[in-house]
């Protein structure tokens, strides 16, 4: 009679391993944004303060690292409403929209690389739309309730405007324009007096 094999237990990563992973993702996001999708992985490991083996233990391929960076950016957006709960509603929305500009920058680098490797539209990117829309809607609803925003505002229009700026931008400082646009959008979304 065969004995049943014990099922592997899913363990939470050690705290130092989790810190290493988060540092790698942060350094990789900056490197990919600055140098493109072909940024040196060895340089990312060096800037993080870990060896290449540690980087590859966490992310076996460049594509895995690219996708993890993108997922990390989306997770920041999805969880920001809770993190910004202590801010006044309009400030929380503004902070989130500025994070969204950073996520657009990451997506501009990462999405084409994932698309080229995967041969199709990556599911990580498709799945991100709903969580972004939910987050901005929650923040806008709070700002509407406080009287900071017009009641007829569709918060997804704010995202469309920022994506539009990034899509037509031909200069490398498009993010500065998008950041200024955040304040213009908020000012234009205030209730009429």
C-alpha atoms as a PDB file:
ATOM      1  CA  UNK A   1       0.000   0.000   0.000  1.00  0.00           C
ATOM      2  CA  UNK A   2       1.349   3.396  -0.977  1.00  0.00           C
ATOM      3  CA  UNK A   3       1.665   6.029   1.652  1.00  0.00           C
ATOM      4  CA  UNK A   4       0.267   9.405   0.800  1.00  0.00           C
ATOM      5  CA  UNK A   5       2.900  12.002   0.046  1.00  0.00           C
ATOM      6  CA  UNK A   6       2.683  15.037   2.213  1.00  0.00           C
ATOM      7  CA  UNK A   7       1.626  18.097   0.286  1.00  0.00           C
ATOM      8  CA  UNK A   8       4.181  20.894   0.252  1.00  0.00           C
ATOM      9  CA  UNK A   9       3.302  23.654   2.646  1.00  0.00           C
ATOM     10  CA  UNK A  10       3.157  27.110   1.160  1.00  0.00           C
ATOM     11  CA  UNK A  11       5.286  29.289   3.374  1.00  0.00           C
ATOM     12  CA  UNK A  12       5.482  33.007   3.564  1.00  0.00           C
ATOM     13  CA  UNK A  13       8.875  34.239   2.303  1.00  0.00           C
ATOM     14  CA  UNK A  14      11.429  35.168   4.930  1.00  0.00           C
ATOM     15  CA  UNK A  15      11.463  38.851   5.817  1.00  0.00           C
ATOM     16  CA  UNK A  16      14.929  39.399   4.317  1.00  0.00           C
ATOM     17  CA  UNK A  17      13.927  37.630   1.108  1.00  0.00           C
ATOM     18  CA  UNK A  18      10.804  39.797   0.870  1.00  0.00           C
ATOM     19  CA  UNK A  19      12.873  42.956   1.434  1.00  0.00           C
ATOM     20  CA  UNK A  20      15.322  41.856  -1.270  1.00  0.00           C
ATOM     21  CA  UNK A  21      12.462  41.234  -3.679  1.00  0.00           C
ATOM     22  CA  UNK A  22      10.920  44.649  -2.999  1.00  0.00           C
ATOM     23  CA  UNK A  23      14.296  46.408  -3.389  1.00  0.00           C
ATOM     24  CA  UNK A  24      14.926  44.575  -6.668  1.00  0.00           C
ATOM     25  CA  UNK A  25      11.516  45.654  -7.973  1.00  0.00           C
ATOM     26  CA  UNK A  26      12.103  49.282  -6.985  1.00  0.00           C
ATOM     27  CA  UNK A  27      15.565  49.458  -8.559  1.00  0.00           C
ATOM     28  CA  UNK A  28      14.359  47.567 -11.653  1.00  0.00           C
ATOM     29  CA  UNK A  29      11.433  49.956 -12.149  1.00  0.00           C
ATOM     30  CA  UNK A  30      13.777  52.932 -12.096  1.00  0.00           C
ATOM     31  CA  UNK A  31      16.297  51.182 -14.370  1.00  0.00           C
ATOM     32  CA  UNK A  32      13.658  50.112 -16.901  1.00  0.00           C
ATOM     33  CA  UNK A  33      12.123  53.588 -16.900  1.00  0.00           C
ATOM     34  CA  UNK A  34      15.533  55.209 -17.381  1.00  0.00           C
ATOM     35  CA  UNK A  35      17.239  52.679 -19.715  1.00  0.00           C
ATOM     36  CA  UNK A  36      14.388  50.774 -21.309  1.00  0.00           C
ATOM     37  CA  UNK A  37      13.396  47.125 -21.149  1.00  0.00           C
ATOM     38  CA  UNK A  38      16.953  45.986 -21.892  1.00  0.00           C
ATOM     39  CA  UNK A  39      18.477  47.575 -18.783  1.00  0.00           C
ATOM     40  CA  UNK A  40      21.342  45.493 -17.404  1.00  0.00           C
ATOM     41  CA  UNK A  41      20.091  42.914 -14.921  1.00  0.00           C
ATOM     42  CA  UNK A  42      23.584  42.661 -13.439  1.00  0.00           C
ATOM     43  CA  UNK A  43      23.534  46.423 -12.865  1.00  0.00           C
ATOM     44  CA  UNK A  44      20.080  46.149 -11.267  1.00  0.00           C
ATOM     45  CA  UNK A  45      21.425  43.470  -8.898  1.00  0.00           C
ATOM     46  CA  UNK A  46      24.495  45.608  -8.116  1.00  0.00           C
ATOM     47  CA  UNK A  47      22.408  48.735  -7.407  1.00  0.00           C
ATOM     48  CA  UNK A  48      20.088  46.680  -5.218  1.00  0.00           C
ATOM     49  CA  UNK A  49      23.018  45.348  -3.207  1.00  0.00           C
ATOM     50  CA  UNK A  50      22.389  41.698  -4.018  1.00  0.00           C
ATOM     51  CA  UNK A  51      24.233  39.229  -6.186  1.00  0.00           C
ATOM     52  CA  UNK A  52      22.951  38.182  -9.615  1.00  0.00           C
ATOM     53  CA  UNK A  53      22.015  34.794  -8.151  1.00  0.00           C
ATOM     54  CA  UNK A  54      19.620  36.446  -5.718  1.00  0.00           C
ATOM     55  CA  UNK A  55      18.017  38.413  -8.530  1.00  0.00           C
ATOM     56  CA  UNK A  56      17.591  35.254 -10.646  1.00  0.00           C
ATOM     57  CA  UNK A  57      16.221  33.290  -7.672  1.00  0.00           C
ATOM     58  CA  UNK A  58      13.421  35.819  -7.439  1.00  0.00           C
ATOM     59  CA  UNK A  59      13.026  36.412 -11.194  1.00  0.00           C
ATOM     60  CA  UNK A  60      14.244  33.630 -13.470  1.00  0.00           C
ATOM     61  CA  UNK A  61      14.012  35.730 -16.639  1.00  0.00           C
ATOM     62  CA  UNK A  62      14.015  39.350 -17.737  1.00  0.00           C
ATOM     63  CA  UNK A  63      10.378  38.917 -18.718  1.00  0.00           C
ATOM     64  CA  UNK A  64       9.496  37.663 -15.230  1.00  0.00           C
ATOM     65  CA  UNK A  65      11.148  40.757 -13.735  1.00  0.00           C
ATOM     66  CA  UNK A  66       9.400  43.085 -16.197  1.00  0.00           C
ATOM     67  CA  UNK A  67       6.025  41.551 -15.407  1.00  0.00           C
ATOM     68  CA  UNK A  68       6.688  41.668 -11.654  1.00  0.00           C
ATOM     69  CA  UNK A  69       7.608  45.360 -11.875  1.00  0.00           C
ATOM     70  CA  UNK A  70       4.385  46.083 -13.731  1.00  0.00           C
ATOM     71  CA  UNK A  71       2.294  44.040 -11.289  1.00  0.00           C
ATOM     72  CA  UNK A  72       3.965  45.875  -8.406  1.00  0.00           C
ATOM     73  CA  UNK A  73       3.030  49.254  -9.901  1.00  0.00           C
ATOM     74  CA  UNK A  74      -0.571  48.128 -10.338  1.00  0.00           C
ATOM     75  CA  UNK A  75      -0.698  46.765  -6.802  1.00  0.00           C
ATOM     76  CA  UNK A  76       0.462  50.158  -5.504  1.00  0.00           C
ATOM     77  CA  UNK A  77      -2.418  51.769  -7.372  1.00  0.00           C
ATOM     78  CA  UNK A  78      -4.956  49.209  -6.183  1.00  0.00           C
ATOM     79  CA  UNK A  79      -3.988  49.517  -2.512  1.00  0.00           C
ATOM     80  CA  UNK A  80      -3.410  53.290  -2.482  1.00  0.00           C
ATOM     81  CA  UNK A  81      -6.984  54.216  -1.487  1.00  0.00           C
ATOM     82  CA  UNK A  82      -6.421  52.447   1.836  1.00  0.00           C
ATOM     83  CA  UNK A  83      -2.927  53.934   2.240  1.00  0.00           C
ATOM     84  CA  UNK A  84      -4.249  57.423   1.496  1.00  0.00           C
ATOM     85  CA  UNK A  85      -7.279  57.133   3.775  1.00  0.00           C
ATOM     86  CA  UNK A  86      -5.820  59.620   6.262  1.00  0.00           C
ATOM     87  CA  UNK A  87      -5.363  62.308   3.597  1.00  0.00           C
ATOM     88  CA  UNK A  88      -8.123  64.781   2.784  1.00  0.00           C
ATOM     89  CA  UNK A  89     -10.178  63.319  -0.101  1.00  0.00           C
ATOM     90  CA  UNK A  90      -8.913  65.689  -2.806  1.00  0.00           C
ATOM     91  CA  UNK A  91      -5.282  65.220  -1.706  1.00  0.00           C
ATOM     92  CA  UNK A  92      -5.727  61.447  -1.746  1.00  0.00           C
ATOM     93  CA  UNK A  93      -7.063  61.601  -5.314  1.00  0.00           C
ATOM     94  CA  UNK A  94      -4.195  63.871  -6.388  1.00  0.00           C
ATOM     95  CA  UNK A  95      -1.589  61.539  -4.815  1.00  0.00           C
ATOM     96  CA  UNK A  96      -3.169  58.563  -6.563  1.00  0.00           C
ATOM     97  CA  UNK A  97      -3.212  60.306  -9.951  1.00  0.00           C
ATOM     98  CA  UNK A  98       0.497  61.089  -9.552  1.00  0.00           C
ATOM     99  CA  UNK A  99       1.115  57.373  -8.848  1.00  0.00           C
ATOM    100  CA  UNK A 100      -0.892  56.621 -11.972  1.00  0.00           C
ATOM    101  CA  UNK A 101       1.489  58.797 -14.020  1.00  0.00           C
ATOM    102  CA  UNK A 102       4.389  56.681 -12.691  1.00  0.00           C
ATOM    103  CA  UNK A 103       2.507  53.504 -13.638  1.00  0.00           C
ATOM    104  CA  UNK A 104       1.982  54.835 -17.163  1.00  0.00           C
ATOM    105  CA  UNK A 105       5.731  55.411 -17.441  1.00  0.00           C
ATOM    106  CA  UNK A 106       6.414  51.835 -16.348  1.00  0.00           C
ATOM    107  CA  UNK A 107       3.783  50.477 -18.734  1.00  0.00           C
ATOM    108  CA  UNK A 108       5.242  52.402 -21.693  1.00  0.00           C
ATOM    109  CA  UNK A 109       8.486  50.469 -21.213  1.00  0.00           C
ATOM    110  CA  UNK A 110       7.191  47.129 -19.996  1.00  0.00           C
ATOM    111  CA  UNK A 111       4.072  46.477 -22.077  1.00  0.00           C
ATOM    112  CA  UNK A 112       5.843  46.370 -25.470  1.00  0.00           C
ATOM    113  CA  UNK A 113       8.505  44.031 -24.080  1.00  0.00           C
ATOM    114  CA  UNK A 114       5.908  41.687 -22.581  1.00  0.00           C
ATOM    115  CA  UNK A 115       3.876  41.853 -25.770  1.00  0.00           C
ATOM    116  CA  UNK A 116       6.908  40.907 -27.880  1.00  0.00           C
ATOM    117  CA  UNK A 117       7.776  37.970 -25.648  1.00  0.00           C
ATOM    118  CA  UNK A 118       4.232  36.731 -25.075  1.00  0.00           C
ATOM    119  CA  UNK A 119       3.038  37.239 -28.624  1.00  0.00           C
ATOM    120  CA  UNK A 120      -0.204  38.720 -27.376  1.00  0.00           C
ATOM    121  CA  UNK A 121      -1.688  41.180 -24.931  1.00  0.00           C
ATOM    122  CA  UNK A 122      -0.334  40.179 -21.502  1.00  0.00           C
ATOM    123  CA  UNK A 123      -2.941  39.159 -18.987  1.00  0.00           C
ATOM    124  CA  UNK A 124      -1.115  41.183 -16.315  1.00  0.00           C
ATOM    125  CA  UNK A 125      -1.930  44.346 -18.211  1.00  0.00           C
ATOM    126  CA  UNK A 126      -5.524  43.385 -19.031  1.00  0.00           C
ATOM    127  CA  UNK A 127      -6.247  42.458 -15.424  1.00  0.00           C
ATOM    128  CA  UNK A 128      -4.876  45.773 -14.193  1.00  0.00           C
ATOM    129  CA  UNK A 129      -7.579  47.927 -15.777  1.00  0.00           C
ATOM    130  CA  UNK A 130     -10.357  46.855 -13.405  1.00  0.00           C
ATOM    131  CA  UNK A 131      -8.282  47.411 -10.265  1.00  0.00           C
ATOM    132  CA  UNK A 132      -7.195  50.871 -11.465  1.00  0.00           C
ATOM    133  CA  UNK A 133     -10.765  51.868 -12.297  1.00  0.00           C
ATOM    134  CA  UNK A 134     -12.010  50.599  -8.923  1.00  0.00           C
ATOM    135  CA  UNK A 135      -9.326  52.562  -7.067  1.00  0.00           C
ATOM    136  CA  UNK A 136      -9.901  55.870  -8.841  1.00  0.00           C
ATOM    137  CA  UNK A 137     -13.670  55.488  -8.489  1.00  0.00           C
ATOM    138  CA  UNK A 138     -13.349  54.925  -4.727  1.00  0.00           C
ATOM    139  CA  UNK A 139     -11.130  57.982  -4.321  1.00  0.00           C
ATOM    140  CA  UNK A 140     -13.341  60.164  -6.509  1.00  0.00           C
ATOM    141  CA  UNK A 141     -16.480  59.023  -4.670  1.00  0.00           C
ATOM    142  CA  UNK A 142     -14.885  60.115  -1.412  1.00  0.00           C
ATOM    143  CA  UNK A 143     -13.948  63.508  -2.928  1.00  0.00           C
ATOM    144  CA  UNK A 144     -17.473  63.972  -4.324  1.00  0.00           C
ATOM    145  CA  UNK A 145     -18.975  63.136  -0.925  1.00  0.00           C
ATOM    146  CA  UNK A 146     -16.729  65.753   0.737  1.00  0.00           C
ATOM    147  CA  UNK A 147     -17.825  68.366  -1.817  1.00  0.00           C
ATOM    148  CA  UNK A 148     -14.361  68.645  -3.392  1.00  0.00           C
ATOM    149  CA  UNK A 149     -15.429  67.266  -6.799  1.00  0.00           C
ATOM    150  CA  UNK A 150     -18.447  67.707  -9.053  1.00  0.00           C
ATOM    151  CA  UNK A 151     -21.059  64.998  -8.781  1.00  0.00           C
ATOM    152  CA  UNK A 152     -21.202  64.418 -12.548  1.00  0.00           C
ATOM    153  CA  UNK A 153     -17.491  63.569 -12.832  1.00  0.00           C
ATOM    154  CA  UNK A 154     -16.600  60.244 -14.411  1.00  0.00           C
ATOM    155  CA  UNK A 155     -13.297  59.451 -12.669  1.00  0.00           C
ATOM    156  CA  UNK A 156     -12.170  57.239 -15.546  1.00  0.00           C
ATOM    157  CA  UNK A 157     -12.064  60.418 -17.675  1.00  0.00           C
ATOM    158  CA  UNK A 158      -9.179  61.583 -15.473  1.00  0.00           C
ATOM    159  CA  UNK A 159      -7.279  58.419 -16.397  1.00  0.00           C
ATOM    160  CA  UNK A 160      -8.085  58.841 -20.076  1.00  0.00           C
ATOM    161  CA  UNK A 161      -6.709  62.392 -20.047  1.00  0.00           C
ATOM    162  CA  UNK A 162      -3.439  61.284 -18.454  1.00  0.00           C
ATOM    163  CA  UNK A 163      -3.080  58.321 -20.804  1.00  0.00           C
ATOM    164  CA  UNK A 164      -3.780  60.690 -23.700  1.00  0.00           C
ATOM    165  CA  UNK A 165      -0.924  62.979 -22.690  1.00  0.00           C
ATOM    166  CA  UNK A 166       1.440  60.024 -22.480  1.00  0.00           C
ATOM    167  CA  UNK A 167       0.293  58.644 -25.831  1.00  0.00           C
ATOM    168  CA  UNK A 168       0.924  61.795 -27.835  1.00  0.00           C
ATOM    169  CA  UNK A 169       4.094  62.792 -26.001  1.00  0.00           C
ATOM    170  CA  UNK A 170       7.173  62.827 -28.159  1.00  0.00           C
ATOM    171  CA  UNK A 171       9.535  64.363 -25.649  1.00  0.00           C
ATOM    172  CA  UNK A 172      11.147  62.516 -22.751  1.00  0.00           C
ATOM    173  CA  UNK A 173       9.757  64.908 -20.148  1.00  0.00           C
ATOM    174  CA  UNK A 174       6.122  64.016 -20.832  1.00  0.00           C
ATOM    175  CA  UNK A 175       5.794  62.946 -17.177  1.00  0.00           C
ATOM    176  CA  UNK A 176       6.294  66.546 -16.046  1.00  0.00           C
ATOM    177  CA  UNK A 177       3.451  67.600 -18.360  1.00  0.00           C
ATOM    178  CA  UNK A 178       1.272  64.799 -17.015  1.00  0.00           C
ATOM    179  CA  UNK A 179       2.022  65.832 -13.426  1.00  0.00           C
ATOM    180  CA  UNK A 180       0.990  69.411 -14.192  1.00  0.00           C
ATOM    181  CA  UNK A 181      -2.131  68.072 -15.888  1.00  0.00           C
ATOM    182  CA  UNK A 182      -3.137  66.323 -12.642  1.00  0.00           C
ATOM    183  CA  UNK A 183      -3.571  69.710 -10.963  1.00  0.00           C
ATOM    184  CA  UNK A 184      -5.390  71.130 -13.996  1.00  0.00           C
ATOM    185  CA  UNK A 185      -7.773  68.155 -14.045  1.00  0.00           C
ATOM    186  CA  UNK A 186      -8.513  68.474 -10.348  1.00  0.00           C
ATOM    187  CA  UNK A 187      -9.085  72.222 -10.641  1.00  0.00           C
ATOM    188  CA  UNK A 188     -11.446  71.646 -13.578  1.00  0.00           C
ATOM    189  CA  UNK A 189     -13.318  68.956 -11.667  1.00  0.00           C
ATOM    190  CA  UNK A 190     -14.188  71.150  -8.718  1.00  0.00           C
ATOM    191  CA  UNK A 191     -17.863  72.052  -8.266  1.00  0.00           C
ATOM    192  CA  UNK A 192     -18.950  75.341  -9.825  1.00  0.00           C
ATOM    193  CA  UNK A 193     -19.575  78.198  -7.451  1.00  0.00           C
END
